[in-house]
Amino acid sequence: MIAELFKTTLDWYMGNINYFTITLLMAVESSFIPLPSELVIPPAAYLAVQGKLNLGLVIFFSTIGCIIGALFNYFISFYLGRKIIYALAESKWARLFFVNRTKVENAEEYFRTNGNTSTFIGRLLPGIRHLISIPAGLAKMNLRQFIIYTALGSLLWNAILATMSYVLVEQWEVYFREITWGFIVIGVGFVGYLIFKAIKKQKTKRMKVQID
């Protein structure tokens, strides 16, 4: 039943992929929300093989989305400052999106070590690519340079991912099944996590009552 539900959801998702949704989802992917680009670009490339989308436009609009999401992180960091950003990184809302102080510190250290080019290189590194815009904003990196480096890094990553997906389309059914089961595992794991948190919270409350 769960597998059928996810299959229906994925079928609906495939039926609603267009240039607007590609831009939107890649903007989300480039913000602090860890949405894998592998769940956006390969399905779009598959539709390009079928003639429903254009591969070049898939790469173009996914890159535009990356720039939008990166600018969101950049301006938030630019105007809020380091103290507030790190406070947000330690909040429960940040943990909900798998963001924490350590990840932000790693991104900031990577930025300091590699300079402005880290904005380009960081777009190619998993775990760094969606957070590298934060230290760029904190350091008040030149906006024009930030956009150029972000665009180039995003373009390279999206082009590689889209081209590989386009070429390996014969293996799509296997890949599609892996995505389906991946969603199932993530869904079950997330529900388990919520249950664990609820039980832990109840135990904490009971301990406080007993102490009082």
N, C-alpha and C. Protein backbone atom coordinates (compact mmCIF):
# COMPACT_ATOMS: atom_id res chain seq x y z
N MET A 1 0.83 -1.21 0.00
CA MET A 1 0.00 0.00 0.00
C MET A 1 0.87 1.27 0.00
N ILE A 2 1.91 1.26 0.85
CA ILE A 2 2.80 2.42 0.91
C ILE A 2 3.54 2.60 -0.42
N ALA A 3 4.00 1.47 -0.98
CA ALA A 3 4.70 1.53 -2.26
C ALA A 3 3.79 2.08 -3.35
N GLU A 4 2.54 1.67 -3.34
CA GLU A 4 1.58 2.15 -4.34
C GLU A 4 1.32 3.64 -4.17
N LEU A 5 1.26 4.07 -2.92
CA LEU A 5 1.04 5.50 -2.65
C LEU A 5 2.19 6.34 -3.18
N PHE A 6 3.42 5.89 -2.94
CA PHE A 6 4.58 6.62 -3.43
C PHE A 6 4.66 6.58 -4.95
N LYS A 7 4.26 5.45 -5.54
CA LYS A 7 4.26 5.35 -7.00
C LYS A 7 3.28 6.35 -7.60
N THR A 8 2.11 6.47 -6.97
CA THR A 8 1.11 7.44 -7.43
C THR A 8 1.64 8.86 -7.31
N THR A 9 2.31 9.12 -6.18
CA THR A 9 2.89 10.44 -5.96
C THR A 9 3.95 10.76 -7.00
N LEU A 10 4.81 9.78 -7.29
CA LEU A 10 5.87 9.99 -8.27
C LEU A 10 5.31 10.17 -9.67
N ASP A 11 4.25 9.43 -10.00
CA ASP A 11 3.60 9.59 -11.30
C ASP A 11 3.04 11.01 -11.43
N TRP A 12 2.44 11.49 -10.33
CA TRP A 12 1.90 12.86 -10.33
C TRP A 12 3.04 13.86 -10.49
N TYR A 13 4.14 13.60 -9.82
CA TYR A 13 5.30 14.48 -9.88
C TYR A 13 5.84 14.56 -11.30
N MET A 14 5.99 13.41 -11.94
CA MET A 14 6.51 13.37 -13.31
C MET A 14 5.58 14.11 -14.27
N GLY A 15 4.28 14.07 -13.98
CA GLY A 15 3.31 14.72 -14.84
C GLY A 15 3.26 16.22 -14.66
N ASN A 16 3.93 16.73 -13.63
CA ASN A 16 3.88 18.16 -13.35
C ASN A 16 5.25 18.84 -13.44
N ILE A 17 6.21 18.14 -14.02
CA ILE A 17 7.52 18.76 -14.21
C ILE A 17 7.48 19.65 -15.45
N ASN A 18 7.80 20.90 -15.28
CA ASN A 18 7.91 21.85 -16.38
C ASN A 18 9.01 22.84 -16.03
N TYR A 19 9.24 23.82 -16.87
CA TYR A 19 10.34 24.75 -16.63
C TYR A 19 10.13 25.58 -15.37
N PHE A 20 8.88 25.88 -15.06
CA PHE A 20 8.60 26.65 -13.85
C PHE A 20 8.91 25.82 -12.60
N THR A 21 8.42 24.57 -12.56
CA THR A 21 8.65 23.73 -11.38
C THR A 21 10.14 23.38 -11.24
N ILE A 22 10.84 23.25 -12.36
CA ILE A 22 12.29 23.01 -12.30
C ILE A 22 12.98 24.20 -11.64
N THR A 23 12.62 25.40 -12.06
CA THR A 23 13.21 26.61 -11.48
C THR A 23 12.89 26.71 -9.99
N LEU A 24 11.63 26.46 -9.64
CA LEU A 24 11.20 26.55 -8.25
C LEU A 24 11.91 25.53 -7.37
N LEU A 25 11.95 24.28 -7.80
CA LEU A 25 12.56 23.23 -6.99
C LEU A 25 14.07 23.41 -6.86
N MET A 26 14.72 23.89 -7.91
CA MET A 26 16.16 24.11 -7.82
C MET A 26 16.47 25.34 -6.97
N ALA A 27 15.53 26.29 -6.90
CA ALA A 27 15.70 27.42 -5.98
C ALA A 27 15.63 26.91 -4.54
N VAL A 28 14.71 25.99 -4.29
CA VAL A 28 14.61 25.38 -2.96
C VAL A 28 15.88 24.60 -2.65
N GLU A 29 16.37 23.85 -3.65
CA GLU A 29 17.58 23.04 -3.48
C GLU A 29 18.79 23.88 -3.13
N SER A 30 18.84 25.11 -3.64
CA SER A 30 19.98 25.98 -3.40
C SER A 30 19.84 26.84 -2.15
N SER A 31 18.67 26.76 -1.51
CA SER A 31 18.49 27.46 -0.24
C SER A 31 18.96 26.53 0.87
N PHE A 32 18.53 26.78 2.09
CA PHE A 32 18.97 25.95 3.22
C PHE A 32 18.19 24.64 3.31
N ILE A 33 17.18 24.46 2.46
CA ILE A 33 16.40 23.22 2.48
C ILE A 33 17.13 22.19 1.62
N PRO A 34 17.52 21.05 2.20
CA PRO A 34 18.35 20.08 1.47
C PRO A 34 17.56 19.19 0.52
N LEU A 35 16.99 19.79 -0.53
CA LEU A 35 16.31 19.01 -1.56
C LEU A 35 17.35 18.59 -2.60
N PRO A 36 17.59 17.30 -2.78
CA PRO A 36 18.64 16.86 -3.72
C PRO A 36 18.30 17.23 -5.16
N SER A 37 19.27 17.78 -5.87
CA SER A 37 19.05 18.10 -7.28
C SER A 37 18.85 16.84 -8.11
N GLU A 38 19.28 15.70 -7.56
CA GLU A 38 19.10 14.42 -8.25
C GLU A 38 17.62 14.04 -8.36
N LEU A 39 16.78 14.65 -7.57
CA LEU A 39 15.35 14.38 -7.65
C LEU A 39 14.64 15.35 -8.60
N VAL A 40 15.38 16.29 -9.14
CA VAL A 40 14.79 17.31 -10.03
C VAL A 40 15.28 17.16 -11.46
N ILE A 41 16.59 17.17 -11.64
CA ILE A 41 17.15 17.21 -12.98
C ILE A 41 17.03 15.89 -13.76
N PRO A 42 17.35 14.72 -13.17
CA PRO A 42 17.21 13.48 -13.93
C PRO A 42 15.78 13.23 -14.46
N PRO A 43 14.73 13.44 -13.65
CA PRO A 43 13.38 13.28 -14.21
C PRO A 43 13.10 14.25 -15.36
N ALA A 44 13.62 15.48 -15.23
CA ALA A 44 13.43 16.47 -16.30
C ALA A 44 14.19 16.04 -17.56
N ALA A 45 15.38 15.47 -17.38
CA ALA A 45 16.14 14.98 -18.52
C ALA A 45 15.43 13.82 -19.20
N TYR A 46 14.78 13.00 -18.42
CA TYR A 46 14.01 11.88 -18.97
C TYR A 46 12.88 12.40 -19.85
N LEU A 47 12.22 13.45 -19.40
CA LEU A 47 11.16 14.05 -20.21
C LEU A 47 11.73 14.70 -21.47
N ALA A 48 12.97 15.17 -21.37
CA ALA A 48 13.64 15.75 -22.55
C ALA A 48 13.87 14.67 -23.61
N VAL A 49 14.22 13.47 -23.16
CA VAL A 49 14.41 12.36 -24.08
C VAL A 49 13.10 12.05 -24.81
N GLN A 50 12.01 12.18 -24.10
CA GLN A 50 10.69 11.91 -24.69
C GLN A 50 10.21 13.06 -25.57
N GLY A 51 10.94 14.15 -25.60
CA GLY A 51 10.56 15.28 -26.43
C GLY A 51 9.60 16.24 -25.76
N LYS A 52 9.31 16.02 -24.48
CA LYS A 52 8.37 16.87 -23.76
C LYS A 52 9.06 18.14 -23.24
N LEU A 53 10.37 18.07 -23.02
CA LEU A 53 11.15 19.22 -22.59
C LEU A 53 12.41 19.31 -23.44
N ASN A 54 13.05 20.45 -23.40
CA ASN A 54 14.31 20.65 -24.10
C ASN A 54 15.46 20.58 -23.10
N LEU A 55 16.47 19.75 -23.39
CA LEU A 55 17.56 19.53 -22.44
C LEU A 55 18.30 20.83 -22.13
N GLY A 56 18.54 21.64 -23.14
CA GLY A 56 19.23 22.91 -22.93
C GLY A 56 18.45 23.83 -22.01
N LEU A 57 17.13 23.86 -22.18
CA LEU A 57 16.29 24.70 -21.33
C LEU A 57 16.19 24.14 -19.91
N VAL A 58 16.26 22.82 -19.79
CA VAL A 58 16.28 22.19 -18.46
C VAL A 58 17.51 22.68 -17.70
N ILE A 59 18.66 22.66 -18.36
CA ILE A 59 19.90 23.13 -17.74
C ILE A 59 19.82 24.62 -17.43
N PHE A 60 19.27 25.39 -18.36
CA PHE A 60 19.16 26.84 -18.18
C PHE A 60 18.28 27.20 -16.99
N PHE A 61 17.07 26.65 -16.94
CA PHE A 61 16.14 27.02 -15.88
C PHE A 61 16.55 26.44 -14.52
N SER A 62 17.20 25.29 -14.52
CA SER A 62 17.71 24.75 -13.25
C SER A 62 18.81 25.66 -12.70
N THR A 63 19.60 26.23 -13.59
CA THR A 63 20.66 27.16 -13.17
C THR A 63 20.07 28.46 -12.65
N ILE A 64 19.03 28.95 -13.32
CA ILE A 64 18.33 30.15 -12.84
C ILE A 64 17.77 29.91 -11.44
N GLY A 65 17.21 28.72 -11.22
CA GLY A 65 16.68 28.37 -9.90
C GLY A 65 17.77 28.36 -8.85
N CYS A 66 18.94 27.82 -9.21
CA CYS A 66 20.06 27.77 -8.27
C CYS A 66 20.48 29.19 -7.86
N ILE A 67 20.52 30.09 -8.83
CA ILE A 67 20.92 31.47 -8.54
C ILE A 67 19.91 32.12 -7.60
N ILE A 68 18.62 31.89 -7.84
CA ILE A 68 17.57 32.48 -6.98
C ILE A 68 17.70 31.97 -5.55
N GLY A 69 17.85 30.65 -5.39
CA GLY A 69 17.99 30.08 -4.05
C GLY A 69 19.25 30.55 -3.35
N ALA A 70 20.34 30.64 -4.11
CA ALA A 70 21.61 31.09 -3.54
C ALA A 70 21.51 32.55 -3.09
N LEU A 71 20.84 33.37 -3.88
CA LEU A 71 20.66 34.78 -3.51
C LEU A 71 19.83 34.92 -2.25
N PHE A 72 18.88 34.02 -2.06
CA PHE A 72 18.06 34.02 -0.84
C PHE A 72 18.95 33.84 0.38
N ASN A 73 19.82 32.83 0.34
CA ASN A 73 20.76 32.60 1.44
C ASN A 73 21.72 33.78 1.61
N TYR A 74 22.20 34.29 0.49
CA TYR A 74 23.18 35.38 0.50
C TYR A 74 22.62 36.62 1.20
N PHE A 75 21.42 37.04 0.80
CA PHE A 75 20.86 38.28 1.35
C PHE A 75 20.45 38.13 2.82
N ILE A 76 19.95 36.93 3.18
CA ILE A 76 19.62 36.70 4.59
C ILE A 76 20.87 36.83 5.44
N SER A 77 21.95 36.19 5.00
CA SER A 77 23.21 36.24 5.75
C SER A 77 23.82 37.64 5.74
N PHE A 78 23.72 38.31 4.60
CA PHE A 78 24.27 39.65 4.43
C PHE A 78 23.65 40.64 5.42
N TYR A 79 22.33 40.57 5.55
CA TYR A 79 21.62 41.57 6.37
C TYR A 79 21.44 41.15 7.84
N LEU A 80 21.34 39.85 8.11
CA LEU A 80 21.13 39.42 9.49
C LEU A 80 22.44 39.35 10.28
N GLY A 81 23.52 38.99 9.61
CA GLY A 81 24.81 38.93 10.29
C GLY A 81 25.10 37.58 10.91
N ARG A 82 26.36 37.41 11.30
CA ARG A 82 26.86 36.13 11.77
C ARG A 82 26.17 35.65 13.05
N LYS A 83 25.98 36.54 14.01
CA LYS A 83 25.41 36.15 15.29
C LYS A 83 24.02 35.56 15.13
N ILE A 84 23.18 36.22 14.36
CA ILE A 84 21.80 35.76 14.17
C ILE A 84 21.77 34.48 13.33
N ILE A 85 22.61 34.41 12.31
CA ILE A 85 22.65 33.22 11.46
C ILE A 85 23.01 31.98 12.27
N TYR A 86 24.01 32.12 13.15
CA TYR A 86 24.40 30.97 13.97
C TYR A 86 23.34 30.63 15.01
N ALA A 87 22.64 31.63 15.48
CA ALA A 87 21.53 31.38 16.40
C ALA A 87 20.42 30.60 15.70
N LEU A 88 20.16 30.97 14.46
CA LEU A 88 19.15 30.25 13.67
C LEU A 88 19.61 28.83 13.38
N ALA A 89 20.92 28.65 13.14
CA ALA A 89 21.45 27.32 12.83
C ALA A 89 21.33 26.37 14.01
N GLU A 90 21.22 26.93 15.21
CA GLU A 90 21.10 26.10 16.42
C GLU A 90 19.64 25.89 16.83
N SER A 91 18.71 26.45 16.07
CA SER A 91 17.29 26.34 16.41
C SER A 91 16.73 24.98 15.97
N LYS A 92 15.58 24.64 16.53
CA LYS A 92 14.94 23.36 16.18
C LYS A 92 14.44 23.37 14.74
N TRP A 93 14.11 24.56 14.22
CA TRP A 93 13.66 24.65 12.83
C TRP A 93 14.79 24.33 11.88
N ALA A 94 15.99 24.74 12.20
CA ALA A 94 17.15 24.44 11.36
C ALA A 94 17.43 22.94 11.37
N ARG A 95 17.32 22.32 12.54
CA ARG A 95 17.55 20.88 12.63
C ARG A 95 16.52 20.11 11.83
N LEU A 96 15.32 20.66 11.72
CA LEU A 96 14.27 20.03 10.93
C LEU A 96 14.69 19.90 9.47
N PHE A 97 15.50 20.86 9.01
CA PHE A 97 15.99 20.85 7.63
C PHE A 97 17.42 20.34 7.56
N PHE A 98 17.86 19.64 8.61
CA PHE A 98 19.18 19.02 8.67
C PHE A 98 20.31 20.06 8.57
N VAL A 99 20.05 21.24 9.10
CA VAL A 99 21.07 22.29 9.17
C VAL A 99 21.44 22.49 10.63
N ASN A 100 22.72 22.59 10.91
CA ASN A 100 23.17 22.84 12.28
C ASN A 100 24.39 23.74 12.27
N ARG A 101 24.85 24.11 13.44
CA ARG A 101 25.98 25.03 13.56
C ARG A 101 27.25 24.48 12.91
N THR A 102 27.48 23.19 13.09
CA THR A 102 28.68 22.56 12.54
C THR A 102 28.73 22.68 11.02
N LYS A 103 27.60 22.44 10.37
CA LYS A 103 27.55 22.52 8.90
C LYS A 103 27.81 23.94 8.42
N VAL A 104 27.25 24.91 9.12
CA VAL A 104 27.48 26.30 8.74
C VAL A 104 28.95 26.68 8.97
N GLU A 105 29.52 26.20 10.09
CA GLU A 105 30.93 26.47 10.37
C GLU A 105 31.82 25.86 9.30
N ASN A 106 31.50 24.64 8.86
CA ASN A 106 32.29 23.98 7.81
C ASN A 106 32.23 24.77 6.52
N ALA A 107 31.03 25.26 6.19
CA ALA A 107 30.87 26.06 4.97
C ALA A 107 31.66 27.36 5.07
N GLU A 108 31.63 27.97 6.26
CA GLU A 108 32.35 29.23 6.45
C GLU A 108 33.86 29.02 6.39
N GLU A 109 34.33 27.94 6.97
CA GLU A 109 35.75 27.61 6.93
C GLU A 109 36.20 27.34 5.50
N TYR A 110 35.37 26.64 4.75
CA TYR A 110 35.68 26.34 3.35
C TYR A 110 35.76 27.63 2.55
N PHE A 111 34.86 28.57 2.84
CA PHE A 111 34.86 29.85 2.15
C PHE A 111 36.12 30.65 2.48
N ARG A 112 36.51 30.66 3.74
CA ARG A 112 37.71 31.40 4.15
C ARG A 112 38.97 30.81 3.52
N THR A 113 39.00 29.47 3.43
CA THR A 113 40.18 28.79 2.90
C THR A 113 40.34 28.98 1.40
N ASN A 114 39.24 28.98 0.69
CA ASN A 114 39.30 28.99 -0.77
C ASN A 114 38.95 30.34 -1.41
N GLY A 115 38.57 31.31 -0.58
CA GLY A 115 38.26 32.63 -1.13
C GLY A 115 36.99 32.66 -1.96
N ASN A 116 36.87 33.66 -2.81
CA ASN A 116 35.65 33.83 -3.61
C ASN A 116 35.37 32.65 -4.54
N THR A 117 36.45 31.99 -5.00
CA THR A 117 36.25 30.86 -5.90
C THR A 117 35.54 29.69 -5.22
N SER A 118 35.48 29.71 -3.90
CA SER A 118 34.76 28.65 -3.18
C SER A 118 33.28 28.67 -3.53
N THR A 119 32.78 29.83 -3.94
CA THR A 119 31.38 29.91 -4.36
C THR A 119 31.16 29.09 -5.62
N PHE A 120 32.18 29.05 -6.48
CA PHE A 120 32.12 28.22 -7.68
C PHE A 120 32.35 26.75 -7.35
N ILE A 121 33.45 26.48 -6.66
CA ILE A 121 33.81 25.09 -6.34
C ILE A 121 32.78 24.46 -5.41
N GLY A 122 32.29 25.25 -4.45
CA GLY A 122 31.34 24.74 -3.48
C GLY A 122 30.05 24.24 -4.10
N ARG A 123 29.68 24.79 -5.27
CA ARG A 123 28.47 24.36 -5.95
C ARG A 123 28.58 22.93 -6.45
N LEU A 124 29.78 22.38 -6.46
CA LEU A 124 30.01 21.03 -6.97
C LEU A 124 30.15 20.01 -5.85
N LEU A 125 30.12 20.46 -4.60
CA LEU A 125 30.38 19.57 -3.47
C LEU A 125 29.12 19.30 -2.66
N PRO A 126 28.69 18.04 -2.56
CA PRO A 126 27.54 17.69 -1.73
C PRO A 126 27.79 18.07 -0.27
N GLY A 127 26.76 18.58 0.39
CA GLY A 127 26.88 18.97 1.78
C GLY A 127 27.37 20.40 1.95
N ILE A 128 27.99 20.95 0.91
CA ILE A 128 28.49 22.32 0.94
C ILE A 128 27.69 23.21 0.00
N ARG A 129 27.27 22.62 -1.12
CA ARG A 129 26.73 23.41 -2.23
C ARG A 129 25.51 24.26 -1.84
N HIS A 130 24.65 23.76 -0.96
CA HIS A 130 23.45 24.54 -0.62
C HIS A 130 23.69 25.50 0.56
N LEU A 131 24.90 25.44 1.16
CA LEU A 131 25.19 26.32 2.30
C LEU A 131 26.31 27.32 2.00
N ILE A 132 27.00 27.16 0.87
CA ILE A 132 28.15 28.00 0.59
C ILE A 132 27.75 29.47 0.42
N SER A 133 26.50 29.73 0.11
CA SER A 133 26.03 31.11 -0.06
C SER A 133 25.96 31.85 1.28
N ILE A 134 25.83 31.11 2.37
CA ILE A 134 25.73 31.74 3.69
C ILE A 134 27.02 32.47 4.07
N PRO A 135 28.19 31.79 4.04
CA PRO A 135 29.42 32.53 4.37
C PRO A 135 29.73 33.63 3.36
N ALA A 136 29.28 33.46 2.11
CA ALA A 136 29.49 34.52 1.12
C ALA A 136 28.74 35.78 1.53
N GLY A 137 27.53 35.59 2.04
CA GLY A 137 26.75 36.73 2.52
C GLY A 137 27.33 37.31 3.79
N LEU A 138 27.78 36.45 4.69
CA LEU A 138 28.38 36.92 5.95
C LEU A 138 29.64 37.74 5.67
N ALA A 139 30.41 37.33 4.66
CA ALA A 139 31.64 38.04 4.31
C ALA A 139 31.36 39.24 3.41
N LYS A 140 30.07 39.44 3.07
CA LYS A 140 29.65 40.54 2.19
C LYS A 140 30.44 40.53 0.88
N MET A 141 30.50 39.34 0.30
CA MET A 141 31.16 39.16 -0.99
C MET A 141 30.50 40.06 -2.04
N ASN A 142 31.28 40.55 -2.97
CA ASN A 142 30.76 41.38 -4.05
C ASN A 142 29.62 40.66 -4.76
N LEU A 143 28.46 41.30 -4.87
CA LEU A 143 27.27 40.65 -5.39
C LEU A 143 27.46 40.17 -6.83
N ARG A 144 28.08 40.99 -7.65
CA ARG A 144 28.28 40.61 -9.06
C ARG A 144 29.15 39.37 -9.17
N GLN A 145 30.25 39.34 -8.40
CA GLN A 145 31.11 38.17 -8.41
C GLN A 145 30.38 36.95 -7.87
N PHE A 146 29.57 37.16 -6.83
CA PHE A 146 28.82 36.05 -6.24
C PHE A 146 27.90 35.43 -7.28
N ILE A 147 27.18 36.26 -8.01
CA ILE A 147 26.24 35.75 -9.02
C ILE A 147 26.99 35.02 -10.14
N ILE A 148 28.12 35.58 -10.57
CA ILE A 148 28.89 34.96 -11.66
C ILE A 148 29.42 33.59 -11.24
N TYR A 149 30.06 33.53 -10.07
CA TYR A 149 30.62 32.25 -9.60
C TYR A 149 29.52 31.23 -9.33
N THR A 150 28.42 31.69 -8.76
CA THR A 150 27.30 30.78 -8.49
C THR A 150 26.71 30.24 -9.78
N ALA A 151 26.55 31.13 -10.77
CA ALA A 151 25.99 30.73 -12.06
C ALA A 151 26.88 29.71 -12.76
N LEU A 152 28.19 29.96 -12.75
CA LEU A 152 29.12 29.06 -13.43
C LEU A 152 29.18 27.69 -12.76
N GLY A 153 29.26 27.69 -11.42
CA GLY A 153 29.30 26.42 -10.69
C GLY A 153 28.01 25.64 -10.86
N SER A 154 26.88 26.33 -10.78
CA SER A 154 25.58 25.68 -10.92
C SER A 154 25.39 25.15 -12.34
N LEU A 155 25.80 25.95 -13.32
CA LEU A 155 25.69 25.54 -14.72
C LEU A 155 26.47 24.27 -14.98
N LEU A 156 27.70 24.21 -14.45
CA LEU A 156 28.54 23.03 -14.66
C LEU A 156 27.91 21.79 -14.03
N TRP A 157 27.46 21.93 -12.77
CA TRP A 157 26.86 20.80 -12.07
C TRP A 157 25.58 20.34 -12.77
N ASN A 158 24.72 21.27 -13.12
CA ASN A 158 23.44 20.92 -13.75
C ASN A 158 23.66 20.29 -15.13
N ALA A 159 24.64 20.80 -15.86
CA ALA A 159 24.93 20.27 -17.20
C ALA A 159 25.42 18.83 -17.11
N ILE A 160 26.31 18.57 -16.14
CA ILE A 160 26.84 17.21 -15.96
C ILE A 160 25.71 16.26 -15.58
N LEU A 161 24.91 16.66 -14.60
CA LEU A 161 23.84 15.79 -14.11
C LEU A 161 22.79 15.55 -15.19
N ALA A 162 22.41 16.61 -15.92
CA ALA A 162 21.39 16.48 -16.96
C ALA A 162 21.89 15.64 -18.13
N THR A 163 23.14 15.85 -18.53
CA THR A 163 23.70 15.10 -19.67
C THR A 163 23.86 13.63 -19.33
N MET A 164 24.34 13.34 -18.13
CA MET A 164 24.48 11.94 -17.71
C MET A 164 23.11 11.26 -17.67
N SER A 165 22.12 11.95 -17.15
CA SER A 165 20.77 11.39 -17.08
C SER A 165 20.21 11.16 -18.47
N TYR A 166 20.48 12.08 -19.37
CA TYR A 166 20.00 11.99 -20.75
C TYR A 166 20.63 10.80 -21.47
N VAL A 167 21.93 10.62 -21.28
CA VAL A 167 22.66 9.54 -21.94
C VAL A 167 22.29 8.17 -21.37
N LEU A 168 22.08 8.14 -20.04
CA LEU A 168 21.81 6.86 -19.37
C LEU A 168 20.32 6.58 -19.24
N VAL A 169 19.53 7.13 -20.15
CA VAL A 169 18.08 7.00 -20.04
C VAL A 169 17.61 5.56 -20.11
N GLU A 170 18.39 4.68 -20.75
CA GLU A 170 17.99 3.28 -20.85
C GLU A 170 17.95 2.61 -19.48
N GLN A 171 18.68 3.18 -18.53
CA GLN A 171 18.69 2.62 -17.18
C GLN A 171 17.69 3.34 -16.27
N TRP A 172 16.83 4.16 -16.88
CA TRP A 172 15.93 5.00 -16.11
C TRP A 172 15.00 4.20 -15.20
N GLU A 173 14.46 3.08 -15.72
CA GLU A 173 13.50 2.30 -14.93
C GLU A 173 14.14 1.80 -13.64
N VAL A 174 15.41 1.38 -13.71
CA VAL A 174 16.11 0.93 -12.52
C VAL A 174 16.29 2.11 -11.57
N TYR A 175 16.71 3.24 -12.12
CA TYR A 175 16.92 4.44 -11.31
C TYR A 175 15.62 4.91 -10.68
N PHE A 176 14.53 4.79 -11.45
CA PHE A 176 13.23 5.22 -10.96
C PHE A 176 12.79 4.37 -9.77
N ARG A 177 13.05 3.06 -9.84
CA ARG A 177 12.72 2.18 -8.73
C ARG A 177 13.53 2.53 -7.49
N GLU A 178 14.80 2.88 -7.71
CA GLU A 178 15.65 3.26 -6.58
C GLU A 178 15.13 4.52 -5.91
N ILE A 179 14.67 5.48 -6.72
CA ILE A 179 14.09 6.70 -6.16
C ILE A 179 12.85 6.38 -5.36
N THR A 180 12.01 5.49 -5.91
CA THR A 180 10.77 5.10 -5.22
C THR A 180 11.07 4.53 -3.85
N TRP A 181 11.99 3.56 -3.82
CA TRP A 181 12.34 2.96 -2.53
C TRP A 181 13.06 3.95 -1.63
N GLY A 182 13.78 4.87 -2.23
CA GLY A 182 14.42 5.91 -1.43
C GLY A 182 13.40 6.77 -0.71
N PHE A 183 12.33 7.13 -1.43
CA PHE A 183 11.24 7.89 -0.81
C PHE A 183 10.59 7.11 0.32
N ILE A 184 10.42 5.82 0.11
CA ILE A 184 9.80 4.98 1.14
C ILE A 184 10.66 4.96 2.40
N VAL A 185 11.96 4.74 2.22
CA VAL A 185 12.88 4.69 3.35
C VAL A 185 12.90 6.02 4.09
N ILE A 186 12.96 7.13 3.32
CA ILE A 186 12.98 8.46 3.93
C ILE A 186 11.68 8.72 4.68
N GLY A 187 10.56 8.35 4.07
CA GLY A 187 9.26 8.57 4.71
C GLY A 187 9.13 7.80 6.02
N VAL A 188 9.48 6.52 5.98
CA VAL A 188 9.40 5.68 7.18
C VAL A 188 10.38 6.19 8.24
N GLY A 189 11.59 6.56 7.79
CA GLY A 189 12.59 7.07 8.72
C GLY A 189 12.14 8.36 9.39
N PHE A 190 11.50 9.24 8.62
CA PHE A 190 11.04 10.52 9.18
C PHE A 190 9.93 10.29 10.21
N VAL A 191 9.01 9.39 9.89
CA VAL A 191 7.94 9.06 10.85
C VAL A 191 8.53 8.47 12.12
N GLY A 192 9.51 7.58 11.95
CA GLY A 192 10.18 7.00 13.11
C GLY A 192 10.89 8.05 13.96
N TYR A 193 11.49 9.03 13.27
CA TYR A 193 12.17 10.12 13.97
C TYR A 193 11.18 10.93 14.80
N LEU A 194 10.01 11.24 14.23
CA LEU A 194 8.98 11.99 14.95
C LEU A 194 8.48 11.23 16.17
N ILE A 195 8.31 9.93 16.00
CA ILE A 195 7.85 9.10 17.11
C ILE A 195 8.91 9.09 18.22
N PHE A 196 10.18 8.93 17.82
CA PHE A 196 11.28 8.93 18.78
C PHE A 196 11.34 10.24 19.55
N LYS A 197 11.19 11.38 18.83
CA LYS A 197 11.23 12.69 19.48
C LYS A 197 10.07 12.85 20.46
N ALA A 198 8.89 12.35 20.06
CA ALA A 198 7.71 12.46 20.92
C ALA A 198 7.89 11.66 22.20
N ILE A 199 8.42 10.43 22.07
CA ILE A 199 8.67 9.58 23.23
C ILE A 199 9.71 10.20 24.15
N LYS A 200 10.78 10.74 23.55
CA LYS A 200 11.84 11.37 24.33
C LYS A 200 11.32 12.59 25.08
N LYS A 201 10.44 13.35 24.43
CA LYS A 201 9.87 14.54 25.05
C LYS A 201 9.00 14.16 26.24
N GLN A 202 8.23 13.09 26.08
CA GLN A 202 7.37 12.62 27.17
C GLN A 202 8.20 12.15 28.36
N LYS A 203 9.30 11.44 28.07
CA LYS A 203 10.16 10.97 29.14
C LYS A 203 10.79 12.14 29.90
N THR A 204 11.19 13.16 29.16
CA THR A 204 11.79 14.35 29.78
C THR A 204 10.79 15.03 30.71
N LYS A 205 9.55 15.15 30.25
CA LYS A 205 8.50 15.77 31.07
C LYS A 205 8.26 14.97 32.35
N ARG A 206 8.26 13.63 32.25
CA ARG A 206 8.02 12.78 33.41
C ARG A 206 9.16 12.93 34.42
N MET A 207 10.38 13.00 33.91
CA MET A 207 11.54 13.15 34.80
C MET A 207 11.47 14.48 35.54
N LYS A 208 11.06 15.54 34.86
CA LYS A 208 10.94 16.85 35.50
C LYS A 208 9.88 16.83 36.57
N VAL A 209 8.76 16.13 36.28
CA VAL A 209 7.67 16.05 37.26
C VAL A 209 8.15 15.31 38.49
N GLN A 210 8.90 14.21 38.29
CA GLN A 210 9.39 13.41 39.41
C GLN A 210 10.38 14.21 40.25
N ILE A 211 11.24 15.00 39.58
CA ILE A 211 12.23 15.81 40.31
C ILE A 211 11.54 16.89 41.14
N ASP A 212 10.51 17.53 40.52
CA ASP A 212 9.79 18.57 41.22
C ASP A 212 9.01 17.99 42.42
